[in-house]
Amino acid sequence: MRLPQIDHTTLAGDQLALYEDMKSGIETSFKGFTAIDGNDDLVGPWNPWLSFPQFGGPVWNLVKALAQDPKLPKPVREIAILVTGTYFRSDYELYAHIHVAEDRGLPDDTIRTIVSGNRPVALSREEGIAYDFAAILVQGGAIPPILYQGMVETFGQDGTAEFIYLVGLYCMVSTTLNGFNVPVPSDGDQ
């Protein structure tokens, strides 16, 4: 890791407020993987966000906005995140969201195929359009009109916007994790 692990007991002011908000959000919404270590310090992307609260605070606000009353089905969200984490080869991201995807009902074969960089054959219509849309977004370039139209027909305009921002967020998360070389926790599996 390229940043020191922040000891939460040394925090004050804006950093302490951000730590408390992120820790509360993690305990509520991010289960099934290690995001808080045995010392109650934040690991994963939360440590870099806490290290640079001027950037981490706004990113955390986007995380919270996307978690509040989501329109997309949970498996669809996880497909988007797994496609993004796979594209960026982000170890911590994949470690965390493989567990979340399992908890949200995605079959192991589907998860394995996505993280190997391939499109699973046995996807529902919703899951298939999500995979295709996310894959094109992370590779760059405009979304073809027929795919955008299918997304809006399937998830509505608000759901489509949520999906686009979700993929954008996890591009940011993945580049943060990769840029600061954030490892999978020692108690995590790879």
N, C-alpha and C. Protein backbone atom coordinates (compact mmCIF):
# COMPACT_ATOMS: atom_id res chain seq x y z
N MET A 1 0.85 -1.18 0.00
CA MET A 1 0.00 0.00 0.00
C MET A 1 0.89 1.23 0.00
N ARG A 2 0.45 2.22 -0.74
CA ARG A 2 1.27 3.42 -0.90
C ARG A 2 0.93 4.51 0.10
N LEU A 3 -0.09 4.30 0.90
CA LEU A 3 -0.47 5.26 1.94
C LEU A 3 -0.40 4.56 3.29
N PRO A 4 -0.06 5.31 4.34
CA PRO A 4 -0.10 4.68 5.66
C PRO A 4 -1.55 4.39 6.06
N GLN A 5 -1.73 3.35 6.84
CA GLN A 5 -3.05 3.06 7.40
C GLN A 5 -3.36 4.13 8.43
N ILE A 6 -4.48 4.80 8.27
CA ILE A 6 -4.85 5.87 9.20
C ILE A 6 -5.39 5.27 10.49
N ASP A 7 -4.81 5.71 11.59
CA ASP A 7 -5.27 5.32 12.92
C ASP A 7 -6.41 6.27 13.29
N HIS A 8 -7.62 5.74 13.39
CA HIS A 8 -8.78 6.61 13.60
C HIS A 8 -8.72 7.37 14.92
N THR A 9 -7.94 6.88 15.89
CA THR A 9 -7.86 7.56 17.19
C THR A 9 -7.08 8.87 17.10
N THR A 10 -6.39 9.10 15.97
CA THR A 10 -5.61 10.34 15.80
C THR A 10 -6.38 11.40 15.03
N LEU A 11 -7.60 11.10 14.62
CA LEU A 11 -8.36 12.00 13.76
C LEU A 11 -9.05 13.11 14.55
N ALA A 12 -9.24 14.24 13.87
CA ALA A 12 -9.98 15.37 14.45
C ALA A 12 -10.68 16.11 13.32
N GLY A 13 -11.61 16.95 13.68
CA GLY A 13 -12.26 17.84 12.71
C GLY A 13 -12.96 17.11 11.58
N ASP A 14 -12.72 17.60 10.35
CA ASP A 14 -13.38 17.05 9.17
C ASP A 14 -13.04 15.58 8.93
N GLN A 15 -11.78 15.21 9.21
CA GLN A 15 -11.40 13.80 9.02
C GLN A 15 -12.15 12.90 9.98
N LEU A 16 -12.30 13.33 11.22
CA LEU A 16 -13.02 12.52 12.21
C LEU A 16 -14.50 12.41 11.81
N ALA A 17 -15.09 13.50 11.38
CA ALA A 17 -16.50 13.47 10.96
C ALA A 17 -16.68 12.54 9.76
N LEU A 18 -15.75 12.58 8.81
CA LEU A 18 -15.83 11.71 7.64
C LEU A 18 -15.65 10.25 8.07
N TYR A 19 -14.69 9.99 8.95
CA TYR A 19 -14.48 8.63 9.46
C TYR A 19 -15.77 8.09 10.08
N GLU A 20 -16.37 8.88 10.96
CA GLU A 20 -17.58 8.42 11.66
C GLU A 20 -18.72 8.16 10.67
N ASP A 21 -18.87 9.03 9.68
CA ASP A 21 -19.93 8.84 8.68
C ASP A 21 -19.66 7.60 7.83
N MET A 22 -18.41 7.43 7.40
CA MET A 22 -18.09 6.26 6.58
C MET A 22 -18.21 4.98 7.40
N LYS A 23 -17.74 4.98 8.62
CA LYS A 23 -17.82 3.77 9.45
C LYS A 23 -19.28 3.37 9.66
N SER A 24 -20.12 4.34 9.93
CA SER A 24 -21.55 4.06 10.11
C SER A 24 -22.16 3.49 8.82
N GLY A 25 -21.81 4.08 7.68
CA GLY A 25 -22.33 3.59 6.40
C GLY A 25 -21.83 2.20 6.07
N ILE A 26 -20.57 1.93 6.38
CA ILE A 26 -20.00 0.60 6.13
C ILE A 26 -20.74 -0.44 6.97
N GLU A 27 -20.94 -0.13 8.24
CA GLU A 27 -21.60 -1.08 9.14
C GLU A 27 -23.04 -1.36 8.70
N THR A 28 -23.66 -0.40 8.05
CA THR A 28 -25.04 -0.55 7.59
C THR A 28 -25.13 -1.23 6.23
N SER A 29 -24.27 -0.84 5.30
CA SER A 29 -24.47 -1.21 3.90
C SER A 29 -23.40 -2.07 3.26
N PHE A 30 -22.26 -2.22 3.87
CA PHE A 30 -21.16 -2.95 3.24
C PHE A 30 -20.78 -4.14 4.09
N LYS A 31 -21.49 -5.23 3.89
CA LYS A 31 -21.30 -6.43 4.71
C LYS A 31 -20.77 -7.57 3.85
N GLY A 32 -20.12 -8.53 4.51
CA GLY A 32 -19.66 -9.72 3.82
C GLY A 32 -18.20 -9.69 3.44
N PHE A 33 -17.52 -8.59 3.71
CA PHE A 33 -16.09 -8.47 3.43
C PHE A 33 -15.49 -7.50 4.44
N THR A 34 -14.16 -7.51 4.54
CA THR A 34 -13.49 -6.65 5.51
C THR A 34 -13.33 -5.24 4.97
N ALA A 35 -13.95 -4.29 5.65
CA ALA A 35 -13.81 -2.88 5.33
C ALA A 35 -13.35 -2.10 6.57
N ILE A 36 -13.50 -2.73 7.73
CA ILE A 36 -13.04 -2.16 9.00
C ILE A 36 -12.17 -3.23 9.64
N ASP A 37 -10.94 -2.85 10.00
CA ASP A 37 -10.04 -3.86 10.56
C ASP A 37 -10.27 -4.05 12.06
N GLY A 38 -9.48 -4.90 12.67
CA GLY A 38 -9.64 -5.22 14.09
C GLY A 38 -9.40 -4.05 15.02
N ASN A 39 -8.77 -2.99 14.52
CA ASN A 39 -8.54 -1.78 15.32
C ASN A 39 -9.59 -0.71 15.08
N ASP A 40 -10.63 -1.06 14.33
CA ASP A 40 -11.68 -0.12 13.93
C ASP A 40 -11.20 0.93 12.92
N ASP A 41 -10.09 0.65 12.25
CA ASP A 41 -9.62 1.53 11.19
C ASP A 41 -10.22 1.08 9.86
N LEU A 42 -10.41 2.02 8.95
CA LEU A 42 -11.04 1.74 7.66
C LEU A 42 -10.00 1.26 6.65
N VAL A 43 -10.32 0.20 5.92
CA VAL A 43 -9.43 -0.33 4.89
C VAL A 43 -10.14 -0.23 3.54
N GLY A 44 -9.53 -0.78 2.51
CA GLY A 44 -10.12 -0.66 1.18
C GLY A 44 -10.05 0.77 0.70
N PRO A 45 -11.02 1.23 -0.09
CA PRO A 45 -10.97 2.59 -0.62
C PRO A 45 -11.19 3.66 0.45
N TRP A 46 -11.73 3.25 1.59
CA TRP A 46 -12.04 4.22 2.63
C TRP A 46 -10.78 4.84 3.23
N ASN A 47 -9.68 4.10 3.32
CA ASN A 47 -8.44 4.68 3.85
C ASN A 47 -7.92 5.80 2.94
N PRO A 48 -7.82 5.61 1.62
CA PRO A 48 -7.42 6.74 0.77
C PRO A 48 -8.41 7.92 0.83
N TRP A 49 -9.69 7.62 0.88
CA TRP A 49 -10.67 8.71 0.96
C TRP A 49 -10.49 9.50 2.25
N LEU A 50 -10.19 8.81 3.32
CA LEU A 50 -9.95 9.46 4.60
C LEU A 50 -8.62 10.22 4.59
N SER A 51 -7.65 9.71 3.84
CA SER A 51 -6.34 10.37 3.74
C SER A 51 -6.45 11.71 3.02
N PHE A 52 -7.37 11.81 2.09
CA PHE A 52 -7.57 13.03 1.30
C PHE A 52 -9.05 13.39 1.35
N PRO A 53 -9.53 13.92 2.49
CA PRO A 53 -10.97 14.13 2.65
C PRO A 53 -11.55 15.13 1.65
N GLN A 54 -10.73 16.00 1.10
CA GLN A 54 -11.24 16.95 0.10
C GLN A 54 -11.72 16.22 -1.15
N PHE A 55 -11.18 15.03 -1.41
CA PHE A 55 -11.63 14.19 -2.52
C PHE A 55 -12.54 13.07 -2.02
N GLY A 56 -12.13 12.46 -0.92
CA GLY A 56 -12.88 11.32 -0.38
C GLY A 56 -14.27 11.68 0.09
N GLY A 57 -14.43 12.87 0.65
CA GLY A 57 -15.75 13.29 1.12
C GLY A 57 -16.77 13.34 -0.01
N PRO A 58 -16.47 14.03 -1.12
CA PRO A 58 -17.42 14.04 -2.24
C PRO A 58 -17.67 12.65 -2.83
N VAL A 59 -16.63 11.81 -2.91
CA VAL A 59 -16.85 10.46 -3.42
C VAL A 59 -17.78 9.70 -2.48
N TRP A 60 -17.55 9.83 -1.18
CA TRP A 60 -18.41 9.16 -0.20
C TRP A 60 -19.85 9.64 -0.34
N ASN A 61 -20.05 10.93 -0.60
CA ASN A 61 -21.41 11.44 -0.79
C ASN A 61 -22.08 10.80 -2.00
N LEU A 62 -21.31 10.54 -3.06
CA LEU A 62 -21.86 9.85 -4.23
C LEU A 62 -22.21 8.40 -3.87
N VAL A 63 -21.35 7.75 -3.10
CA VAL A 63 -21.65 6.38 -2.64
C VAL A 63 -22.99 6.37 -1.91
N LYS A 64 -23.17 7.31 -0.99
CA LYS A 64 -24.42 7.36 -0.21
C LYS A 64 -25.62 7.67 -1.10
N ALA A 65 -25.46 8.58 -2.05
CA ALA A 65 -26.57 8.92 -2.95
C ALA A 65 -26.99 7.71 -3.77
N LEU A 66 -26.03 6.92 -4.23
CA LEU A 66 -26.36 5.74 -5.04
C LEU A 66 -26.93 4.60 -4.20
N ALA A 67 -26.66 4.62 -2.91
CA ALA A 67 -27.19 3.57 -2.03
C ALA A 67 -28.59 3.90 -1.53
N GLN A 68 -28.96 5.16 -1.61
CA GLN A 68 -30.25 5.61 -1.09
C GLN A 68 -31.36 5.33 -2.10
N ASP A 69 -32.27 4.47 -1.75
CA ASP A 69 -33.43 4.14 -2.58
C ASP A 69 -33.05 3.76 -4.02
N PRO A 70 -32.20 2.73 -4.18
CA PRO A 70 -31.80 2.35 -5.53
C PRO A 70 -32.97 1.82 -6.36
N LYS A 71 -32.93 2.13 -7.64
CA LYS A 71 -33.97 1.68 -8.58
C LYS A 71 -33.61 0.33 -9.20
N LEU A 72 -32.33 0.04 -9.29
CA LEU A 72 -31.86 -1.16 -9.97
C LEU A 72 -31.92 -2.38 -9.07
N PRO A 73 -32.24 -3.55 -9.63
CA PRO A 73 -32.18 -4.78 -8.84
C PRO A 73 -30.75 -5.05 -8.36
N LYS A 74 -30.63 -5.64 -7.19
CA LYS A 74 -29.31 -5.88 -6.60
C LYS A 74 -28.39 -6.69 -7.50
N PRO A 75 -28.86 -7.77 -8.14
CA PRO A 75 -27.95 -8.51 -9.03
C PRO A 75 -27.44 -7.67 -10.20
N VAL A 76 -28.27 -6.78 -10.71
CA VAL A 76 -27.88 -5.91 -11.81
C VAL A 76 -26.78 -4.95 -11.36
N ARG A 77 -26.94 -4.40 -10.17
CA ARG A 77 -25.91 -3.52 -9.61
C ARG A 77 -24.58 -4.27 -9.48
N GLU A 78 -24.66 -5.49 -8.99
CA GLU A 78 -23.42 -6.26 -8.79
C GLU A 78 -22.77 -6.63 -10.11
N ILE A 79 -23.56 -6.91 -11.13
CA ILE A 79 -22.97 -7.18 -12.45
C ILE A 79 -22.21 -5.94 -12.92
N ALA A 80 -22.80 -4.77 -12.77
CA ALA A 80 -22.12 -3.53 -13.17
C ALA A 80 -20.80 -3.36 -12.42
N ILE A 81 -20.82 -3.62 -11.13
CA ILE A 81 -19.62 -3.44 -10.30
C ILE A 81 -18.56 -4.48 -10.66
N LEU A 82 -18.97 -5.73 -10.86
CA LEU A 82 -18.01 -6.78 -11.22
C LEU A 82 -17.39 -6.53 -12.59
N VAL A 83 -18.19 -6.09 -13.55
CA VAL A 83 -17.64 -5.77 -14.88
C VAL A 83 -16.60 -4.67 -14.75
N THR A 84 -16.90 -3.65 -13.95
CA THR A 84 -15.99 -2.52 -13.78
C THR A 84 -14.72 -2.95 -13.05
N GLY A 85 -14.86 -3.65 -11.93
CA GLY A 85 -13.69 -4.12 -11.19
C GLY A 85 -12.82 -5.04 -12.01
N THR A 86 -13.44 -5.87 -12.84
CA THR A 86 -12.68 -6.78 -13.71
C THR A 86 -11.91 -5.99 -14.76
N TYR A 87 -12.56 -5.02 -15.37
CA TYR A 87 -11.90 -4.21 -16.40
C TYR A 87 -10.64 -3.56 -15.83
N PHE A 88 -10.74 -3.04 -14.60
CA PHE A 88 -9.61 -2.35 -13.98
C PHE A 88 -8.67 -3.31 -13.23
N ARG A 89 -9.02 -4.60 -13.18
CA ARG A 89 -8.22 -5.60 -12.47
C ARG A 89 -7.90 -5.11 -11.05
N SER A 90 -8.94 -4.70 -10.37
CA SER A 90 -8.82 -4.13 -9.03
C SER A 90 -9.05 -5.23 -7.99
N ASP A 91 -7.97 -5.68 -7.37
CA ASP A 91 -8.02 -6.83 -6.47
C ASP A 91 -9.01 -6.65 -5.32
N TYR A 92 -8.91 -5.53 -4.61
CA TYR A 92 -9.80 -5.33 -3.46
C TYR A 92 -11.25 -5.24 -3.93
N GLU A 93 -11.48 -4.55 -5.02
CA GLU A 93 -12.85 -4.40 -5.54
C GLU A 93 -13.46 -5.76 -5.84
N LEU A 94 -12.70 -6.60 -6.50
CA LEU A 94 -13.21 -7.94 -6.83
C LEU A 94 -13.37 -8.78 -5.58
N TYR A 95 -12.41 -8.72 -4.67
CA TYR A 95 -12.54 -9.45 -3.40
C TYR A 95 -13.86 -9.09 -2.72
N ALA A 96 -14.12 -7.79 -2.59
CA ALA A 96 -15.31 -7.34 -1.87
C ALA A 96 -16.60 -7.71 -2.60
N HIS A 97 -16.64 -7.43 -3.89
CA HIS A 97 -17.92 -7.57 -4.59
C HIS A 97 -18.20 -8.97 -5.10
N ILE A 98 -17.23 -9.84 -5.10
CA ILE A 98 -17.54 -11.26 -5.31
C ILE A 98 -18.39 -11.74 -4.14
N HIS A 99 -18.00 -11.35 -2.93
CA HIS A 99 -18.77 -11.72 -1.74
C HIS A 99 -20.17 -11.11 -1.77
N VAL A 100 -20.25 -9.84 -2.13
CA VAL A 100 -21.55 -9.17 -2.18
C VAL A 100 -22.44 -9.82 -3.25
N ALA A 101 -21.86 -10.10 -4.41
CA ALA A 101 -22.63 -10.72 -5.50
C ALA A 101 -23.17 -12.08 -5.08
N GLU A 102 -22.37 -12.85 -4.37
CA GLU A 102 -22.84 -14.15 -3.86
C GLU A 102 -24.01 -13.95 -2.91
N ASP A 103 -23.87 -12.97 -2.01
CA ASP A 103 -24.94 -12.68 -1.04
C ASP A 103 -26.21 -12.20 -1.73
N ARG A 104 -26.06 -11.57 -2.88
CA ARG A 104 -27.22 -11.03 -3.59
C ARG A 104 -27.77 -11.99 -4.63
N GLY A 105 -27.31 -13.22 -4.60
CA GLY A 105 -27.94 -14.26 -5.40
C GLY A 105 -27.37 -14.54 -6.77
N LEU A 106 -26.26 -13.93 -7.14
CA LEU A 106 -25.67 -14.27 -8.44
C LEU A 106 -25.01 -15.64 -8.33
N PRO A 107 -25.26 -16.53 -9.27
CA PRO A 107 -24.65 -17.86 -9.23
C PRO A 107 -23.12 -17.79 -9.38
N ASP A 108 -22.43 -18.73 -8.75
CA ASP A 108 -20.97 -18.77 -8.82
C ASP A 108 -20.46 -18.81 -10.25
N ASP A 109 -21.12 -19.58 -11.11
CA ASP A 109 -20.69 -19.67 -12.52
C ASP A 109 -20.76 -18.30 -13.20
N THR A 110 -21.79 -17.56 -12.91
CA THR A 110 -21.94 -16.22 -13.49
C THR A 110 -20.82 -15.31 -13.00
N ILE A 111 -20.57 -15.34 -11.70
CA ILE A 111 -19.51 -14.50 -11.12
C ILE A 111 -18.16 -14.88 -11.72
N ARG A 112 -17.86 -16.17 -11.75
CA ARG A 112 -16.57 -16.63 -12.30
C ARG A 112 -16.39 -16.18 -13.75
N THR A 113 -17.44 -16.28 -14.53
CA THR A 113 -17.34 -15.90 -15.94
C THR A 113 -17.09 -14.40 -16.08
N ILE A 114 -17.80 -13.59 -15.30
CA ILE A 114 -17.61 -12.14 -15.37
C ILE A 114 -16.19 -11.77 -14.96
N VAL A 115 -15.70 -12.31 -13.83
CA VAL A 115 -14.37 -11.91 -13.36
C VAL A 115 -13.25 -12.49 -14.22
N SER A 116 -13.58 -13.42 -15.10
CA SER A 116 -12.58 -13.89 -16.06
C SER A 116 -12.59 -13.03 -17.32
N GLY A 117 -13.47 -12.02 -17.34
CA GLY A 117 -13.51 -11.08 -18.45
C GLY A 117 -14.43 -11.49 -19.59
N ASN A 118 -15.33 -12.42 -19.31
CA ASN A 118 -16.24 -12.91 -20.34
C ASN A 118 -17.69 -12.65 -19.97
N ARG A 119 -18.54 -12.66 -21.00
CA ARG A 119 -19.98 -12.47 -20.78
C ARG A 119 -20.62 -13.82 -20.54
N PRO A 120 -21.28 -13.98 -19.39
CA PRO A 120 -21.98 -15.24 -19.13
C PRO A 120 -23.10 -15.48 -20.15
N VAL A 121 -23.31 -16.73 -20.48
CA VAL A 121 -24.36 -17.10 -21.44
C VAL A 121 -25.73 -17.06 -20.77
N ALA A 122 -25.81 -17.52 -19.55
CA ALA A 122 -27.10 -17.70 -18.88
C ALA A 122 -27.52 -16.47 -18.07
N LEU A 123 -27.58 -15.31 -18.72
CA LEU A 123 -28.04 -14.11 -18.05
C LEU A 123 -29.50 -13.85 -18.42
N SER A 124 -30.24 -13.30 -17.46
CA SER A 124 -31.59 -12.84 -17.78
C SER A 124 -31.49 -11.64 -18.72
N ARG A 125 -32.61 -11.20 -19.26
CA ARG A 125 -32.60 -10.02 -20.14
C ARG A 125 -32.03 -8.81 -19.40
N GLU A 126 -32.50 -8.59 -18.16
CA GLU A 126 -32.01 -7.46 -17.36
C GLU A 126 -30.51 -7.57 -17.13
N GLU A 127 -30.06 -8.75 -16.74
CA GLU A 127 -28.64 -8.94 -16.45
C GLU A 127 -27.79 -8.79 -17.71
N GLY A 128 -28.29 -9.29 -18.84
CA GLY A 128 -27.56 -9.19 -20.09
C GLY A 128 -27.37 -7.77 -20.56
N ILE A 129 -28.44 -6.99 -20.47
CA ILE A 129 -28.32 -5.59 -20.90
C ILE A 129 -27.41 -4.83 -19.94
N ALA A 130 -27.45 -5.18 -18.66
CA ALA A 130 -26.55 -4.55 -17.68
C ALA A 130 -25.10 -4.87 -18.00
N TYR A 131 -24.83 -6.14 -18.28
CA TYR A 131 -23.46 -6.54 -18.62
C TYR A 131 -22.97 -5.76 -19.85
N ASP A 132 -23.77 -5.76 -20.90
CA ASP A 132 -23.36 -5.11 -22.15
C ASP A 132 -23.14 -3.62 -21.96
N PHE A 133 -24.05 -2.97 -21.24
CA PHE A 133 -23.96 -1.53 -21.02
C PHE A 133 -22.71 -1.19 -20.22
N ALA A 134 -22.47 -1.94 -19.14
CA ALA A 134 -21.28 -1.69 -18.30
C ALA A 134 -20.00 -1.94 -19.08
N ALA A 135 -19.97 -3.01 -19.87
CA ALA A 135 -18.76 -3.34 -20.63
C ALA A 135 -18.41 -2.22 -21.61
N ILE A 136 -19.41 -1.67 -22.27
CA ILE A 136 -19.15 -0.58 -23.21
C ILE A 136 -18.73 0.68 -22.46
N LEU A 137 -19.38 0.98 -21.35
CA LEU A 137 -19.01 2.17 -20.58
C LEU A 137 -17.55 2.13 -20.15
N VAL A 138 -17.10 1.02 -19.59
CA VAL A 138 -15.72 0.98 -19.08
C VAL A 138 -14.69 0.95 -20.20
N GLN A 139 -15.06 0.43 -21.36
CA GLN A 139 -14.12 0.39 -22.48
C GLN A 139 -14.00 1.74 -23.17
N GLY A 140 -14.95 2.62 -22.94
CA GLY A 140 -14.91 3.95 -23.52
C GLY A 140 -15.73 4.04 -24.80
N GLY A 141 -16.14 5.24 -25.11
CA GLY A 141 -16.94 5.45 -26.31
C GLY A 141 -18.41 5.59 -25.96
N ALA A 142 -19.16 6.02 -26.96
CA ALA A 142 -20.59 6.26 -26.77
C ALA A 142 -21.36 4.94 -26.73
N ILE A 143 -22.42 4.94 -25.97
CA ILE A 143 -23.34 3.80 -25.92
C ILE A 143 -24.18 3.83 -27.20
N PRO A 144 -24.27 2.73 -27.93
CA PRO A 144 -25.12 2.70 -29.12
C PRO A 144 -26.58 3.02 -28.76
N PRO A 145 -27.27 3.78 -29.60
CA PRO A 145 -28.65 4.16 -29.31
C PRO A 145 -29.56 2.97 -28.99
N ILE A 146 -29.41 1.85 -29.69
CA ILE A 146 -30.28 0.70 -29.45
C ILE A 146 -30.07 0.12 -28.05
N LEU A 147 -28.83 0.17 -27.56
CA LEU A 147 -28.55 -0.33 -26.22
C LEU A 147 -29.08 0.64 -25.16
N TYR A 148 -28.88 1.94 -25.40
CA TYR A 148 -29.41 2.94 -24.46
C TYR A 148 -30.93 2.84 -24.38
N GLN A 149 -31.57 2.72 -25.53
CA GLN A 149 -33.04 2.59 -25.57
C GLN A 149 -33.48 1.35 -24.80
N GLY A 150 -32.79 0.24 -24.99
CA GLY A 150 -33.12 -0.98 -24.26
C GLY A 150 -32.95 -0.82 -22.76
N MET A 151 -31.94 -0.09 -22.38
CA MET A 151 -31.70 0.17 -20.95
C MET A 151 -32.85 0.99 -20.36
N VAL A 152 -33.25 2.05 -21.06
CA VAL A 152 -34.35 2.89 -20.58
C VAL A 152 -35.65 2.11 -20.55
N GLU A 153 -35.90 1.29 -21.56
CA GLU A 153 -37.12 0.46 -21.57
C GLU A 153 -37.12 -0.54 -20.42
N THR A 154 -35.95 -1.02 -20.05
CA THR A 154 -35.85 -2.03 -19.00
C THR A 154 -35.86 -1.42 -17.60
N PHE A 155 -35.11 -0.33 -17.40
CA PHE A 155 -34.91 0.21 -16.05
C PHE A 155 -35.46 1.62 -15.87
N GLY A 156 -35.99 2.23 -16.93
CA GLY A 156 -36.47 3.60 -16.84
C GLY A 156 -35.32 4.58 -16.94
N GLN A 157 -35.66 5.85 -17.10
CA GLN A 157 -34.63 6.89 -17.22
C GLN A 157 -33.85 7.03 -15.92
N ASP A 158 -34.55 7.00 -14.78
CA ASP A 158 -33.85 7.12 -13.50
C ASP A 158 -32.93 5.93 -13.25
N GLY A 159 -33.40 4.74 -13.56
CA GLY A 159 -32.58 3.55 -13.39
C GLY A 159 -31.35 3.57 -14.29
N THR A 160 -31.53 4.06 -15.51
CA THR A 160 -30.41 4.17 -16.44
C THR A 160 -29.38 5.17 -15.94
N ALA A 161 -29.86 6.31 -15.44
CA ALA A 161 -28.94 7.29 -14.87
C ALA A 161 -28.20 6.70 -13.66
N GLU A 162 -28.94 6.01 -12.80
CA GLU A 162 -28.32 5.37 -11.64
C GLU A 162 -27.22 4.41 -12.10
N PHE A 163 -27.50 3.64 -13.14
CA PHE A 163 -26.53 2.67 -13.65
C PHE A 163 -25.26 3.37 -14.15
N ILE A 164 -25.43 4.44 -14.91
CA ILE A 164 -24.28 5.17 -15.45
C ILE A 164 -23.43 5.74 -14.32
N TYR A 165 -24.08 6.34 -13.33
CA TYR A 165 -23.32 6.90 -12.21
C TYR A 165 -22.69 5.80 -11.36
N LEU A 166 -23.35 4.66 -11.25
CA LEU A 166 -22.79 3.53 -10.50
C LEU A 166 -21.50 3.03 -11.16
N VAL A 167 -21.53 2.85 -12.47
CA VAL A 167 -20.31 2.41 -13.17
C VAL A 167 -19.23 3.48 -13.03
N GLY A 168 -19.60 4.74 -13.17
CA GLY A 168 -18.62 5.82 -13.00
C GLY A 168 -18.00 5.81 -11.61
N LEU A 169 -18.84 5.61 -10.60
CA LEU A 169 -18.33 5.54 -9.23
C LEU A 169 -17.33 4.41 -9.09
N TYR A 170 -17.67 3.24 -9.60
CA TYR A 170 -16.77 2.10 -9.41
C TYR A 170 -15.54 2.17 -10.31
N CYS A 171 -15.57 2.98 -11.36
CA CYS A 171 -14.33 3.32 -12.07
C CYS A 171 -13.43 4.12 -11.13
N MET A 172 -14.02 5.09 -10.43
CA MET A 172 -13.28 5.90 -9.46
C MET A 172 -12.75 5.04 -8.32
N VAL A 173 -13.60 4.17 -7.79
CA VAL A 173 -13.17 3.28 -6.70
C VAL A 173 -12.00 2.41 -7.17
N SER A 174 -12.13 1.82 -8.33
CA SER A 174 -11.09 0.92 -8.84
C SER A 174 -9.78 1.65 -9.10
N THR A 175 -9.84 2.85 -9.67
CA THR A 175 -8.60 3.58 -9.91
C THR A 175 -7.98 4.06 -8.60
N THR A 176 -8.80 4.38 -7.62
CA THR A 176 -8.27 4.73 -6.29
C THR A 176 -7.54 3.53 -5.69
N LEU A 177 -8.19 2.38 -5.72
CA LEU A 177 -7.57 1.17 -5.17
C LEU A 177 -6.28 0.82 -5.90
N ASN A 178 -6.30 0.88 -7.22
CA ASN A 178 -5.10 0.55 -8.00
C ASN A 178 -4.01 1.60 -7.85
N GLY A 179 -4.39 2.87 -7.88
CA GLY A 179 -3.40 3.94 -7.78
C GLY A 179 -2.64 3.92 -6.47
N PHE A 180 -3.34 3.61 -5.39
CA PHE A 180 -2.71 3.55 -4.07
C PHE A 180 -2.32 2.12 -3.69
N ASN A 181 -2.46 1.18 -4.63
CA ASN A 181 -2.05 -0.21 -4.43
C ASN A 181 -2.65 -0.78 -3.14
N VAL A 182 -3.95 -0.61 -2.98
CA VAL A 182 -4.64 -1.07 -1.77
C VAL A 182 -4.79 -2.59 -1.85
N PRO A 183 -4.29 -3.30 -0.85
CA PRO A 183 -4.33 -4.77 -0.90
C PRO A 183 -5.65 -5.34 -0.39
N VAL A 184 -5.84 -6.59 -0.73
CA VAL A 184 -6.91 -7.37 -0.10
C VAL A 184 -6.48 -7.58 1.35
N PRO A 185 -7.38 -7.41 2.31
CA PRO A 185 -7.00 -7.62 3.71
C PRO A 185 -6.44 -9.03 3.94
N SER A 186 -5.58 -9.15 4.93
CA SER A 186 -4.93 -10.44 5.20
C SER A 186 -5.94 -11.53 5.52
N ASP A 187 -7.12 -11.16 6.03
CA ASP A 187 -8.14 -12.17 6.31
C ASP A 187 -9.04 -12.41 5.11
N GLY A 188 -8.79 -11.70 4.01
CA GLY A 188 -9.59 -11.88 2.79
C GLY A 188 -9.04 -13.00 1.94
N ASP A 189 -9.88 -13.52 1.07
CA ASP A 189 -9.41 -14.54 0.14
C ASP A 189 -9.29 -13.93 -1.24
N GLN A 190 -8.42 -14.48 -2.04
CA GLN A 190 -8.19 -13.90 -3.37
C GLN A 190 -8.75 -14.78 -4.43
